[in-house]
Amino acid sequence: MEKLPKNYRFVIYLIILGVGALWVWVSTAPPGSTTAGEIPAPKESFLAPDFELATLNGETIRLNELRGQPVLINIWASWCAPCRAEMPAMQRVFEAYGDQGFTILAVNATNQDSPNQAADFVQQHQLTFPILMDISGQVSQAYQVHSLPTSFFVDS
């Protein structure tokens, strides 16, 4: 096989380089179309979908503000028997590990519950971790919750 002259090789290299640049330009996702680490539903190895909710006390908590520490997100309702059964154990875990940075965000599915019943439940069980009120159901929807209770562990 004959060797191509230098100027032909140069033209071939330019064509290959041009096709590669065109491919990169065509296949690039437009800004805002990627998840940038945030996704609409929880998925392993991605940031958890952010949310901001008010607590029973009226304080506002945003999940992203807790980045860097482990968080258990528990979505529950006061009428839910399994929710009622697991809350004392969650309180014990919070008492044991809360001072080490572990947080529990108990998100009450208020759109399916009563704020008064949720408050009574919290008082009855002497829960000391944050109780968030999901009045519109935005967290249940973002986390694709189909049954209660549902929990997600978000690592640091």
Foldseek 3Di string as FASTA:
>chain_A
DDDDDPVVVVVVVVVVVVVVVVVCVVPDDPPPPDCPQADLADDPPGAHHWDWFAFLVRDIDIPVVLPPAKEKEKEAELVDPVVLVCQLVVQVVCVVCVVVSYAYEYEYACCVYPSVSVVVSCVVSVRDGTYGYPNPCSVCVSHVPDDPTDMDMDHD
